[in-house]
C-alpha atoms as a PDB file:
ATOM      1  CA  UNK A   1      -4.034  -8.517 -36.088  1.00  0.00           C
ATOM      2  CA  UNK A   2      -6.181  -8.057 -33.169  1.00  0.00           C
ATOM      3  CA  UNK A   3      -5.453  -7.265 -29.508  1.00  0.00           C
ATOM      4  CA  UNK A   4      -7.426  -8.519 -26.717  1.00  0.00           C
ATOM      5  CA  UNK A   5      -7.766  -6.602 -23.666  1.00  0.00           C
ATOM      6  CA  UNK A   6     -10.221  -6.616 -20.827  1.00  0.00           C
ATOM      7  CA  UNK A   7     -11.657  -4.554 -18.040  1.00  0.00           C
ATOM      8  CA  UNK A   8     -12.569  -6.800 -14.990  1.00  0.00           C
ATOM      9  CA  UNK A   9     -14.693  -5.571 -12.150  1.00  0.00           C
ATOM     10  CA  UNK A  10     -15.048  -7.482  -8.951  1.00  0.00           C
ATOM     11  CA  UNK A  11     -15.776  -6.856  -5.224  1.00  0.00           C
ATOM     12  CA  UNK A  12     -15.559  -9.234  -2.353  1.00  0.00           C
ATOM     13  CA  UNK A  13     -16.501  -9.099   1.338  1.00  0.00           C
ATOM     14  CA  UNK A  14     -14.025  -7.300   3.619  1.00  0.00           C
ATOM     15  CA  UNK A  15     -11.568  -9.047   5.846  1.00  0.00           C
ATOM     16  CA  UNK A  16     -11.133  -7.478   9.319  1.00  0.00           C
ATOM     17  CA  UNK A  17     -10.786  -3.712   8.870  1.00  0.00           C
ATOM     18  CA  UNK A  18      -9.361  -3.978   5.213  1.00  0.00           C
ATOM     19  CA  UNK A  19     -12.292  -3.589   3.125  1.00  0.00           C
ATOM     20  CA  UNK A  20     -12.252  -4.603  -0.558  1.00  0.00           C
ATOM     21  CA  UNK A  21     -13.510  -2.924  -3.722  1.00  0.00           C
ATOM     22  CA  UNK A  22     -12.105  -1.873  -6.990  1.00  0.00           C
ATOM     23  CA  UNK A  23     -11.541   1.175  -9.242  1.00  0.00           C
ATOM     24  CA  UNK A  24     -14.589   0.557 -11.391  1.00  0.00           C
ATOM     25  CA  UNK A  25     -17.270   0.917  -8.779  1.00  0.00           C
ATOM     26  CA  UNK A  26     -20.676  -0.881  -8.941  1.00  0.00           C
ATOM     27  CA  UNK A  27     -22.413  -3.457  -6.813  1.00  0.00           C
ATOM     28  CA  UNK A  28     -20.867  -6.309  -4.958  1.00  0.00           C
ATOM     29  CA  UNK A  29     -20.610  -8.938  -7.618  1.00  0.00           C
ATOM     30  CA  UNK A  30     -18.334 -10.207 -10.209  1.00  0.00           C
ATOM     31  CA  UNK A  31     -18.575  -9.379 -13.867  1.00  0.00           C
ATOM     32  CA  UNK A  32     -16.289  -8.792 -16.800  1.00  0.00           C
ATOM     33  CA  UNK A  33     -16.519  -7.376 -20.252  1.00  0.00           C
ATOM     34  CA  UNK A  34     -14.117  -8.280 -23.111  1.00  0.00           C
ATOM     35  CA  UNK A  35     -13.590  -6.509 -26.446  1.00  0.00           C
ATOM     36  CA  UNK A  36     -11.243  -6.487 -29.409  1.00  0.00           C
ATOM     37  CA  UNK A  37      -9.395  -3.666 -30.866  1.00  0.00           C
ATOM     38  CA  UNK A  38      -8.424  -3.915 -34.484  1.00  0.00           C
ATOM     39  CA  UNK A  39      -4.927  -2.739 -35.077  1.00  0.00           C
ATOM     40  CA  UNK A  40      -3.107  -2.241 -38.235  1.00  0.00           C
ATOM     41  CA  UNK A  41       0.194  -1.065 -36.553  1.00  0.00           C
ATOM     42  CA  UNK A  42       2.403  -3.866 -35.871  1.00  0.00           C
ATOM     43  CA  UNK A  43      -5.780   0.293   9.355  1.00  0.00           C
ATOM     44  CA  UNK A  44      -3.688   3.164   9.877  1.00  0.00           C
ATOM     45  CA  UNK A  45      -0.340   1.422  10.533  1.00  0.00           C
ATOM     46  CA  UNK A  46       1.926   2.445  13.373  1.00  0.00           C
ATOM     47  CA  UNK A  47       5.175   2.184  11.483  1.00  0.00           C
ATOM     48  CA  UNK A  48       6.621   3.164   8.070  1.00  0.00           C
ATOM     49  CA  UNK A  49       9.701   2.865   6.063  1.00  0.00           C
ATOM     50  CA  UNK A  50      11.831   5.934   6.764  1.00  0.00           C
ATOM     51  CA  UNK A  51      15.291   4.637   6.167  1.00  0.00           C
ATOM     52  CA  UNK A  52      17.136   5.740   2.931  1.00  0.00           C
ATOM     53  CA  UNK A  53      16.665   3.298   0.009  1.00  0.00           C
ATOM     54  CA  UNK A  54      19.779   1.881  -1.810  1.00  0.00           C
ATOM     55  CA  UNK A  55      20.221   3.107  -5.430  1.00  0.00           C
ATOM     56  CA  UNK A  56      18.085   1.179  -7.731  1.00  0.00           C
ATOM     57  CA  UNK A  57      19.715  -1.040 -10.356  1.00  0.00           C
ATOM     58  CA  UNK A  58      18.752  -4.067 -12.225  1.00  0.00           C
ATOM     59  CA  UNK A  59      19.892  -6.667  -9.853  1.00  0.00           C
ATOM     60  CA  UNK A  60      21.383  -9.926 -11.126  1.00  0.00           C
ATOM     61  CA  UNK A  61      21.670  -8.967 -14.764  1.00  0.00           C
ATOM     62  CA  UNK A  62      23.364  -6.546 -17.138  1.00  0.00           C
ATOM     63  CA  UNK A  63      21.520  -3.266 -17.943  1.00  0.00           C
ATOM     64  CA  UNK A  64      19.825  -3.513 -21.346  1.00  0.00           C
ATOM     65  CA  UNK A  65      21.500  -1.325 -23.981  1.00  0.00           C
ATOM     66  CA  UNK A  66      18.325  -0.141 -25.600  1.00  0.00           C
ATOM     67  CA  UNK A  67      17.235   3.292 -24.553  1.00  0.00           C
ATOM     68  CA  UNK A  68      13.685   2.771 -25.856  1.00  0.00           C
ATOM     69  CA  UNK A  69      11.432   0.284 -27.645  1.00  0.00           C
ATOM     70  CA  UNK A  70       8.690   0.951 -30.137  1.00  0.00           C
ATOM     71  CA  UNK A  71       5.365  -0.757 -29.511  1.00  0.00           C
ATOM     72  CA  UNK A  72       1.572  -0.066 -29.822  1.00  0.00           C
ATOM     73  CA  UNK A  73      -0.529   1.377 -27.116  1.00  0.00           C
ATOM     74  CA  UNK A  74      -4.267   1.511 -27.355  1.00  0.00           C
ATOM     75  CA  UNK A  75      -5.479   5.101 -27.143  1.00  0.00           C
ATOM     76  CA  UNK A  76      -9.141   6.259 -27.496  1.00  0.00           C
ATOM     77  CA  UNK A  77     -10.355   8.423 -30.229  1.00  0.00           C
ATOM     78  CA  UNK A  78     -11.844  11.743 -29.264  1.00  0.00           C
ATOM     79  CA  UNK A  79     -14.845  11.527 -31.617  1.00  0.00           C
ATOM     80  CA  UNK A  80     -17.219  13.577 -29.583  1.00  0.00           C
ATOM     81  CA  UNK A  81     -18.932  10.499 -28.043  1.00  0.00           C
ATOM     82  CA  UNK A  82     -18.462   9.185 -24.635  1.00  0.00           C
ATOM     83  CA  UNK A  83     -16.613   5.972 -24.853  1.00  0.00           C
ATOM     84  CA  UNK A  84     -18.374   3.238 -22.693  1.00  0.00           C
ATOM     85  CA  UNK A  85     -18.251  -0.317 -21.547  1.00  0.00           C
ATOM     86  CA  UNK A  86     -21.361  -2.213 -20.561  1.00  0.00           C
ATOM     87  CA  UNK A  87     -21.277  -4.855 -17.793  1.00  0.00           C
ATOM     88  CA  UNK A  88     -24.593  -6.247 -18.875  1.00  0.00           C
ATOM     89  CA  UNK A  89     -26.273  -6.697 -22.236  1.00  0.00           C
ATOM     90  CA  UNK A  90     -27.109  -3.168 -23.481  1.00  0.00           C
ATOM     91  CA  UNK A  91     -30.579  -2.355 -24.676  1.00  0.00           C
ATOM     92  CA  UNK A  92     -31.373  -3.603 -28.246  1.00  0.00           C
ATOM     93  CA  UNK A  93     -30.197  -1.123 -30.811  1.00  0.00           C
ATOM     94  CA  UNK A  94     -27.525   0.446 -28.560  1.00  0.00           C
ATOM     95  CA  UNK A  95     -24.486   1.615 -30.539  1.00  0.00           C
ATOM     96  CA  UNK A  96     -21.584   1.213 -28.158  1.00  0.00           C
ATOM     97  CA  UNK A  97     -18.574   3.630 -28.561  1.00  0.00           C
ATOM     98  CA  UNK A  98     -15.666   1.461 -27.254  1.00  0.00           C
ATOM     99  CA  UNK A  99     -12.485   2.693 -25.804  1.00  0.00           C
ATOM    100  CA  UNK A 100      -8.992   1.715 -27.073  1.00  0.00           C
ATOM    101  CA  UNK A 101     -10.063   2.342 -30.684  1.00  0.00           C
ATOM    102  CA  UNK A 102      -6.886   4.377 -31.649  1.00  0.00           C
ATOM    103  CA  UNK A 103      -3.862   2.192 -31.555  1.00  0.00           C
ATOM    104  CA  UNK A 104      -0.612   4.255 -31.821  1.00  0.00           C
ATOM    105  CA  UNK A 105       3.005   3.195 -32.145  1.00  0.00           C
ATOM    106  CA  UNK A 106       5.063   5.067 -29.629  1.00  0.00           C
ATOM    107  CA  UNK A 107       8.554   5.142 -28.041  1.00  0.00           C
ATOM    108  CA  UNK A 108       8.713   3.540 -24.582  1.00  0.00           C
ATOM    109  CA  UNK A 109      11.784   4.604 -22.843  1.00  0.00           C
ATOM    110  CA  UNK A 110      13.890   2.450 -20.647  1.00  0.00           C
ATOM    111  CA  UNK A 111      13.578   4.140 -17.124  1.00  0.00           C
ATOM    112  CA  UNK A 112      16.426   2.329 -15.312  1.00  0.00           C
ATOM    113  CA  UNK A 113      18.950   5.104 -15.723  1.00  0.00           C
ATOM    114  CA  UNK A 114      16.586   7.648 -14.176  1.00  0.00           C
ATOM    115  CA  UNK A 115      14.990   5.213 -11.611  1.00  0.00           C
ATOM    116  CA  UNK A 116      16.090   7.175  -8.582  1.00  0.00           C
ATOM    117  CA  UNK A 117      14.659  10.451  -9.954  1.00  0.00           C
ATOM    118  CA  UNK A 118      11.022   9.577 -10.681  1.00  0.00           C
ATOM    119  CA  UNK A 119       8.564  10.978  -8.264  1.00  0.00           C
ATOM    120  CA  UNK A 120       4.840  10.419  -7.735  1.00  0.00           C
ATOM    121  CA  UNK A 121       4.126  14.128  -7.527  1.00  0.00           C
ATOM    122  CA  UNK A 122       6.032  15.019 -10.656  1.00  0.00           C
ATOM    123  CA  UNK A 123       5.903  12.081 -13.187  1.00  0.00           C
ATOM    124  CA  UNK A 124       3.122  10.403 -11.398  1.00  0.00           C
ATOM    125  CA  UNK A 125       5.108   7.147 -10.472  1.00  0.00           C
ATOM    126  CA  UNK A 126       8.307   5.958  -8.811  1.00  0.00           C
ATOM    127  CA  UNK A 127      10.150   2.690  -8.513  1.00  0.00           C
ATOM    128  CA  UNK A 128      11.487   1.669  -5.022  1.00  0.00           C
ATOM    129  CA  UNK A 129      13.031  -1.378  -3.506  1.00  0.00           C
ATOM    130  CA  UNK A 130      10.399  -3.564  -1.923  1.00  0.00           C
ATOM    131  CA  UNK A 131      11.549  -5.387   1.229  1.00  0.00           C
ATOM    132  CA  UNK A 132       8.106  -7.040   1.960  1.00  0.00           C
ATOM    133  CA  UNK A 133       8.809 -10.747   2.657  1.00  0.00           C
ATOM    134  CA  UNK A 134       5.659 -12.468   1.375  1.00  0.00           C
ATOM    135  CA  UNK A 135       5.235 -15.091  -1.259  1.00  0.00           C
ATOM    136  CA  UNK A 136       1.692 -16.680  -0.579  1.00  0.00           C
ATOM    137  CA  UNK A 137      -0.118 -14.895  -3.364  1.00  0.00           C
ATOM    138  CA  UNK A 138      -2.319 -17.965  -3.882  1.00  0.00           C
ATOM    139  CA  UNK A 139      -3.752 -17.529  -0.366  1.00  0.00           C
ATOM    140  CA  UNK A 140      -6.388 -14.777  -0.631  1.00  0.00           C
ATOM    141  CA  UNK A 141      -6.853 -14.612   3.186  1.00  0.00           C
ATOM    142  CA  UNK A 142      -3.120 -14.296   3.726  1.00  0.00           C
ATOM    143  CA  UNK A 143      -2.890 -11.594   0.977  1.00  0.00           C
ATOM    144  CA  UNK A 144      -5.768  -9.534   2.605  1.00  0.00           C
ATOM    145  CA  UNK A 145      -4.540  -9.847   6.240  1.00  0.00           C
ATOM    146  CA  UNK A 146      -0.734 -10.003   6.063  1.00  0.00           C
ATOM    147  CA  UNK A 147       0.322  -8.516   2.711  1.00  0.00           C
ATOM    148  CA  UNK A 148      -2.186  -5.696   2.892  1.00  0.00           C
ATOM    149  CA  UNK A 149      -0.707  -4.500   6.325  1.00  0.00           C
ATOM    150  CA  UNK A 150       2.820  -4.550   4.909  1.00  0.00           C
ATOM    151  CA  UNK A 151       1.652  -2.658   1.758  1.00  0.00           C
ATOM    152  CA  UNK A 152      -0.154   0.008   3.856  1.00  0.00           C
ATOM    153  CA  UNK A 153       3.070   0.544   5.818  1.00  0.00           C
ATOM    154  CA  UNK A 154       5.191   0.635   2.725  1.00  0.00           C
ATOM    155  CA  UNK A 155       2.988   3.242   0.829  1.00  0.00           C
ATOM    156  CA  UNK A 156       2.591   5.322   4.031  1.00  0.00           C
ATOM    157  CA  UNK A 157       6.242   5.643   4.501  1.00  0.00           C
ATOM    158  CA  UNK A 158       6.956   6.512   0.738  1.00  0.00           C
ATOM    159  CA  UNK A 159       4.322   9.056   0.219  1.00  0.00           C
ATOM    160  CA  UNK A 160       4.235  10.735   3.698  1.00  0.00           C
ATOM    161  CA  UNK A 161       0.596  10.029   4.374  1.00  0.00           C
ATOM    162  CA  UNK A 162      -0.867   9.993   7.774  1.00  0.00           C
ATOM    163  CA  UNK A 163      -3.132   6.984   6.929  1.00  0.00           C
ATOM    164  CA  UNK A 164      -3.208   4.464   4.217  1.00  0.00           C
ATOM    165  CA  UNK A 165      -6.259   2.232   3.683  1.00  0.00           C
ATOM    166  CA  UNK A 166      -5.794  -0.923   1.332  1.00  0.00           C
ATOM    167  CA  UNK A 167      -9.022  -2.037  -0.146  1.00  0.00           C
ATOM    168  CA  UNK A 168      -8.403  -4.345  -3.270  1.00  0.00           C
ATOM    169  CA  UNK A 169      -5.976  -6.215  -5.351  1.00  0.00           C
ATOM    170  CA  UNK A 170      -5.618  -8.119  -8.591  1.00  0.00           C
ATOM    171  CA  UNK A 171      -3.091 -10.896  -9.551  1.00  0.00           C
ATOM    172  CA  UNK A 172      -2.553 -10.168 -13.196  1.00  0.00           C
ATOM    173  CA  UNK A 173      -1.295 -12.831 -15.556  1.00  0.00           C
ATOM    174  CA  UNK A 174      -1.853 -13.656 -19.172  1.00  0.00           C
ATOM    175  CA  UNK A 175      -2.248 -17.268 -17.991  1.00  0.00           C
ATOM    176  CA  UNK A 176      -5.440 -16.460 -15.966  1.00  0.00           C
ATOM    177  CA  UNK A 177      -8.332 -18.426 -17.549  1.00  0.00           C
ATOM    178  CA  UNK A 178     -11.093 -17.825 -14.931  1.00  0.00           C
ATOM    179  CA  UNK A 179     -11.358 -14.186 -13.892  1.00  0.00           C
ATOM    180  CA  UNK A 180     -12.210 -13.846 -10.249  1.00  0.00           C
ATOM    181  CA  UNK A 181     -12.362 -11.079  -7.694  1.00  0.00           C
ATOM    182  CA  UNK A 182      -8.553 -11.185  -7.427  1.00  0.00           C
ATOM    183  CA  UNK A 183      -7.336 -12.487 -10.742  1.00  0.00           C
ATOM    184  CA  UNK A 184      -7.401 -10.748 -14.098  1.00  0.00           C
ATOM    185  CA  UNK A 185      -5.526 -10.345 -17.365  1.00  0.00           C
ATOM    186  CA  UNK A 186      -3.124  -7.435 -18.051  1.00  0.00           C
ATOM    187  CA  UNK A 187      -4.986  -4.515 -19.302  1.00  0.00           C
ATOM    188  CA  UNK A 188      -3.765  -3.250 -22.731  1.00  0.00           C
ATOM    189  CA  UNK A 189      -5.561   0.011 -22.658  1.00  0.00           C
ATOM    190  CA  UNK A 190      -4.134   3.479 -21.895  1.00  0.00           C
ATOM    191  CA  UNK A 191      -6.041   4.461 -18.836  1.00  0.00           C
ATOM    192  CA  UNK A 192      -6.087   5.962 -15.427  1.00  0.00           C
ATOM    193  CA  UNK A 193      -8.077   4.431 -12.541  1.00  0.00           C
ATOM    194  CA  UNK A 194     -10.155   7.477 -11.357  1.00  0.00           C
ATOM    195  CA  UNK A 195     -11.559  10.768 -12.384  1.00  0.00           C
ATOM    196  CA  UNK A 196     -12.288  13.858 -10.232  1.00  0.00           C
ATOM    197  CA  UNK A 197     -15.727  12.297  -9.625  1.00  0.00           C
ATOM    198  CA  UNK A 198     -14.994   8.610  -9.061  1.00  0.00           C
ATOM    199  CA  UNK A 199     -12.110   9.154  -6.850  1.00  0.00           C
ATOM    200  CA  UNK A 200     -14.039  10.778  -3.972  1.00  0.00           C
ATOM    201  CA  UNK A 201     -16.831   8.323  -4.684  1.00  0.00           C
ATOM    202  CA  UNK A 202     -14.559   5.391  -4.021  1.00  0.00           C
ATOM    203  CA  UNK A 203     -13.714   6.812  -0.636  1.00  0.00           C
ATOM    204  CA  UNK A 204     -17.515   7.078   0.098  1.00  0.00           C
ATOM    205  CA  UNK A 205     -18.091   3.532  -1.175  1.00  0.00           C
ATOM    206  CA  UNK A 206     -15.125   2.057   0.825  1.00  0.00           C
ATOM    207  CA  UNK A 207     -15.333   4.072   4.058  1.00  0.00           C
ATOM    208  CA  UNK A 208     -19.010   5.332   4.257  1.00  0.00           C
ATOM    209  CA  UNK A 209     -18.904   6.245   7.976  1.00  0.00           C
ATOM    210  CA  UNK A 210     -15.674   8.304   7.712  1.00  0.00           C
ATOM    211  CA  UNK A 211     -15.738   9.636   4.122  1.00  0.00           C
ATOM    212  CA  UNK A 212     -17.083  13.079   4.587  1.00  0.00           C
ATOM    213  CA  UNK A 213     -14.637  13.945   7.241  1.00  0.00           C
ATOM    214  CA  UNK A 214     -11.654  12.348   5.300  1.00  0.00           C
ATOM    215  CA  UNK A 215     -12.611  14.153   2.066  1.00  0.00           C
ATOM    216  CA  UNK A 216     -12.127  17.536   3.759  1.00  0.00           C
ATOM    217  CA  UNK A 217      -8.297  16.930   3.638  1.00  0.00           C
ATOM    218  CA  UNK A 218      -6.105  15.722   0.714  1.00  0.00           C
ATOM    219  CA  UNK A 219      -6.793  12.271  -0.441  1.00  0.00           C
ATOM    220  CA  UNK A 220      -4.731  10.381  -3.088  1.00  0.00           C
ATOM    221  CA  UNK A 221      -4.978   6.896  -4.576  1.00  0.00           C
ATOM    222  CA  UNK A 222      -1.844   4.883  -5.076  1.00  0.00           C
ATOM    223  CA  UNK A 223      -1.435   1.478  -6.693  1.00  0.00           C
ATOM    224  CA  UNK A 224       1.373  -0.636  -5.734  1.00  0.00           C
ATOM    225  CA  UNK A 225       2.513  -2.826  -8.638  1.00  0.00           C
ATOM    226  CA  UNK A 226       5.183  -5.537  -8.428  1.00  0.00           C
ATOM    227  CA  UNK A 227       6.254  -8.798 -10.026  1.00  0.00           C
ATOM    228  CA  UNK A 228       5.584 -11.892  -8.073  1.00  0.00           C
ATOM    229  CA  UNK A 229       7.505 -15.200  -8.096  1.00  0.00           C
ATOM    230  CA  UNK A 230       9.953 -14.129 -10.885  1.00  0.00           C
ATOM    231  CA  UNK A 231      10.944 -11.176 -13.033  1.00  0.00           C
ATOM    232  CA  UNK A 232       8.706  -9.710 -15.674  1.00  0.00           C
ATOM    233  CA  UNK A 233       9.888 -10.630 -19.240  1.00  0.00           C
ATOM    234  CA  UNK A 234       6.691 -10.115 -21.233  1.00  0.00           C
ATOM    235  CA  UNK A 235       3.702  -7.697 -21.156  1.00  0.00           C
ATOM    236  CA  UNK A 236       5.474  -5.124 -18.897  1.00  0.00           C
ATOM    237  CA  UNK A 237       3.794  -2.004 -17.672  1.00  0.00           C
ATOM    238  CA  UNK A 238       4.298   1.327 -19.371  1.00  0.00           C
ATOM    239  CA  UNK A 239       3.716   4.649 -17.406  1.00  0.00           C
ATOM    240  CA  UNK A 240       3.139   8.082 -19.024  1.00  0.00           C
ATOM    241  CA  UNK A 241       5.084  10.974 -17.515  1.00  0.00           C
ATOM    242  CA  UNK A 242       2.297  13.281 -16.252  1.00  0.00           C
ATOM    243  CA  UNK A 243       4.587  16.176 -17.116  1.00  0.00           C
ATOM    244  CA  UNK A 244       4.251  15.291 -20.722  1.00  0.00           C
ATOM    245  CA  UNK A 245       0.464  15.455 -20.819  1.00  0.00           C
ATOM    246  CA  UNK A 246      -2.448  17.769 -19.990  1.00  0.00           C
ATOM    247  CA  UNK A 247      -5.682  16.965 -18.249  1.00  0.00           C
ATOM    248  CA  UNK A 248      -7.310  17.762 -21.601  1.00  0.00           C
ATOM    249  CA  UNK A 249      -5.759  14.625 -22.933  1.00  0.00           C
ATOM    250  CA  UNK A 250      -8.036  12.597 -20.600  1.00  0.00           C
ATOM    251  CA  UNK A 251     -11.296  11.175 -21.858  1.00  0.00           C
ATOM    252  CA  UNK A 252     -13.952  10.007 -19.438  1.00  0.00           C
ATOM    253  CA  UNK A 253     -14.891   6.264 -19.981  1.00  0.00           C
ATOM    254  CA  UNK A 254     -18.426   5.393 -18.737  1.00  0.00           C
ATOM    255  CA  UNK A 255     -18.584   2.058 -16.986  1.00  0.00           C
ATOM    256  CA  UNK A 256     -22.207   1.059 -17.195  1.00  0.00           C
ATOM    257  CA  UNK A 257     -23.727  -1.379 -14.650  1.00  0.00           C
ATOM    258  CA  UNK A 258     -27.397  -2.267 -14.301  1.00  0.00           C
ATOM    259  CA  UNK A 259     -27.696  -0.183 -11.187  1.00  0.00           C
ATOM    260  CA  UNK A 260     -25.311   2.723 -11.829  1.00  0.00           C
ATOM    261  CA  UNK A 261     -22.651   4.222 -14.082  1.00  0.00           C
ATOM    262  CA  UNK A 262     -19.099   4.600 -12.903  1.00  0.00           C
ATOM    263  CA  UNK A 263     -16.180   6.148 -14.662  1.00  0.00           C
ATOM    264  CA  UNK A 264     -12.400   6.169 -15.160  1.00  0.00           C
ATOM    265  CA  UNK A 265     -10.175   8.000 -17.722  1.00  0.00           C
ATOM    266  CA  UNK A 266      -8.907   6.850 -21.049  1.00  0.00           C
ATOM    267  CA  UNK A 267      -6.643   8.959 -23.130  1.00  0.00           C
ATOM    268  CA  UNK A 268      -6.569  10.755 -26.519  1.00  0.00           C
ATOM    269  CA  UNK A 269      -3.222  10.362 -28.273  1.00  0.00           C
ATOM    270  CA  UNK A 270      -0.584  13.172 -28.184  1.00  0.00           C
ATOM    271  CA  UNK A 271       2.899  13.213 -29.806  1.00  0.00           C
ATOM    272  CA  UNK A 272       3.912  14.972 -26.589  1.00  0.00           C
ATOM    273  CA  UNK A 273       3.394  11.999 -24.382  1.00  0.00           C
ATOM    274  CA  UNK A 274       6.627  10.435 -23.027  1.00  0.00           C
ATOM    275  CA  UNK A 275       6.337   6.828 -21.847  1.00  0.00           C
ATOM    276  CA  UNK A 276       8.612   4.794 -19.592  1.00  0.00           C
ATOM    277  CA  UNK A 277       8.949   1.205 -18.426  1.00  0.00           C
ATOM    278  CA  UNK A 278      11.475  -0.801 -16.312  1.00  0.00           C
ATOM    279  CA  UNK A 279      12.413  -3.983 -18.239  1.00  0.00           C
ATOM    280  CA  UNK A 280      12.939  -7.162 -16.373  1.00  0.00           C
ATOM    281  CA  UNK A 281      11.635  -5.896 -12.990  1.00  0.00           C
ATOM    282  CA  UNK A 282      11.957  -8.408 -10.416  1.00  0.00           C
ATOM    283  CA  UNK A 283       9.941  -9.218  -7.043  1.00  0.00           C
ATOM    284  CA  UNK A 284      12.319  -7.164  -5.036  1.00  0.00           C
ATOM    285  CA  UNK A 285      11.075  -3.915  -6.699  1.00  0.00           C
ATOM    286  CA  UNK A 286       7.698  -2.186  -6.630  1.00  0.00           C
ATOM    287  CA  UNK A 287       6.209   0.638  -8.537  1.00  0.00           C
ATOM    288  CA  UNK A 288       3.966   3.222  -6.890  1.00  0.00           C
ATOM    289  CA  UNK A 289       1.379   4.576  -9.374  1.00  0.00           C
ATOM    290  CA  UNK A 290      -0.629   7.683  -8.609  1.00  0.00           C
ATOM    291  CA  UNK A 291      -4.098   7.219  -9.908  1.00  0.00           C
ATOM    292  CA  UNK A 292      -5.856  10.145  -8.343  1.00  0.00           C
ATOM    293  CA  UNK A 293      -5.009  13.211  -6.114  1.00  0.00           C
ATOM    294  CA  UNK A 294      -7.520  15.758  -4.731  1.00  0.00           C
ATOM    295  CA  UNK A 295      -4.855  18.564  -4.746  1.00  0.00           C
ATOM    296  CA  UNK A 296      -5.069  20.853  -7.700  1.00  0.00           C
ATOM    297  CA  UNK A 297      -1.714  22.731  -7.029  1.00  0.00           C
ATOM    298  CA  UNK A 298       0.125  21.507 -10.194  1.00  0.00           C
ATOM    299  CA  UNK A 299       1.405  18.184  -8.842  1.00  0.00           C
ATOM    300  CA  UNK A 300       0.510  14.894 -10.837  1.00  0.00           C
ATOM    301  CA  UNK A 301      -3.110  13.795 -10.387  1.00  0.00           C
ATOM    302  CA  UNK A 302      -3.854  11.164 -12.874  1.00  0.00           C
ATOM    303  CA  UNK A 303      -1.197   8.922 -14.304  1.00  0.00           C
ATOM    304  CA  UNK A 304      -1.888   6.973 -17.457  1.00  0.00           C
ATOM    305  CA  UNK A 305      -0.488   3.502 -17.785  1.00  0.00           C
ATOM    306  CA  UNK A 306      -1.025   0.274 -19.892  1.00  0.00           C
ATOM    307  CA  UNK A 307       0.454  -3.078 -20.389  1.00  0.00           C
ATOM    308  CA  UNK A 308       2.243  -3.542 -23.748  1.00  0.00           C
ATOM    309  CA  UNK A 309       3.968  -5.988 -25.974  1.00  0.00           C
ATOM    310  CA  UNK A 310       7.690  -5.718 -25.473  1.00  0.00           C
ATOM    311  CA  UNK A 311       9.358  -6.399 -28.885  1.00  0.00           C
ATOM    312  CA  UNK A 312      12.546  -7.467 -27.040  1.00  0.00           C
ATOM    313  CA  UNK A 313      10.786 -10.166 -24.932  1.00  0.00           C
ATOM    314  CA  UNK A 314      12.151 -13.562 -25.895  1.00  0.00           C
ATOM    315  CA  UNK A 315       9.771 -16.041 -27.616  1.00  0.00           C
ATOM    316  CA  UNK A 316       9.863 -18.312 -24.624  1.00  0.00           C
ATOM    317  CA  UNK A 317       9.621 -15.606 -22.015  1.00  0.00           C
ATOM    318  CA  UNK A 318       7.594 -16.817 -18.879  1.00  0.00           C
ATOM    319  CA  UNK A 319       4.156 -15.631 -18.566  1.00  0.00           C
ATOM    320  CA  UNK A 320       3.920 -12.339 -16.602  1.00  0.00           C
ATOM    321  CA  UNK A 321       2.812 -12.617 -13.088  1.00  0.00           C
ATOM    322  CA  UNK A 322       2.353  -9.417 -10.999  1.00  0.00           C
ATOM    323  CA  UNK A 323       0.179  -8.080  -8.312  1.00  0.00           C
ATOM    324  CA  UNK A 324      -1.514  -4.700  -8.218  1.00  0.00           C
ATOM    325  CA  UNK A 325      -2.776  -3.539  -4.803  1.00  0.00           C
ATOM    326  CA  UNK A 326      -4.998  -0.447  -4.581  1.00  0.00           C
ATOM    327  CA  UNK A 327      -4.660   1.855  -1.692  1.00  0.00           C
ATOM    328  CA  UNK A 328      -6.170   5.229  -0.485  1.00  0.00           C
ATOM    329  CA  UNK A 329      -3.766   7.693   1.251  1.00  0.00           C
ATOM    330  CA  UNK A 330      -4.959  10.325   3.630  1.00  0.00           C
ATOM    331  CA  UNK A 331      -2.892  13.434   4.447  1.00  0.00           C
END
């Protein structure tokens, strides 16, 4: 069979002080690139959330009894060539080395029984209750003005940053037909959104007047990922425990635009990787995903993740709808 996954790149004009952009870089325009993988295996806010959070459970349902599922994740072969994605027609005769060309069947562990113990500086992700009261996700202006402010406050309170800047988001759904600056399909590719080069460059692109001063201190990128409208019952998100990988497992993926080349990380497979997910997450919960950290003191820096086919999803499961909000935290 074939798996379809896509990388979507878009940038739109800023709203008030909350500028937009994305993790892929490039000029302010919309473009997308689709490819198939053959598989033979089946503004600085004034407040913050400081109160203690209740213990995380699976609200309104019984805990699933499975400790893990087996599914296929799309890794990238380390064949000595730089994997690449073109966001334009490559020159005639170009032989493209695509990412995601090494599908591997892996165990993906149910993380609910350890939900309170995961930490962004250790495993690279954590799940927290999300009390943000907002449901107008079809209103781009409201998302960028109202929801962004709430997200900045939420992230700042949970990671201890002095400042959090929100600059982009995607509504992710398999039902998306027309990709836009804020709508995309779930990405079924093991990846992390930044590299040691593209993380600082994103700060320069997003906050050009402040970047050099801000980059003198610790900077980290966190994505907030949460279901919207209803719980997720298909194509959930899997996270790799950073403690089970090495930075040597990361492979630079070149993102080629007409005017520049950006980069993110894909991953070579290792049997040491330990994957987690939270089946049937609902809109009252949010994941914080660390995608870049400038600190090199041993804490998690780049957390690989991917959407995947959950074999326990019912045939009539509603289409996944989630939002991913990209933030920069300054310490």
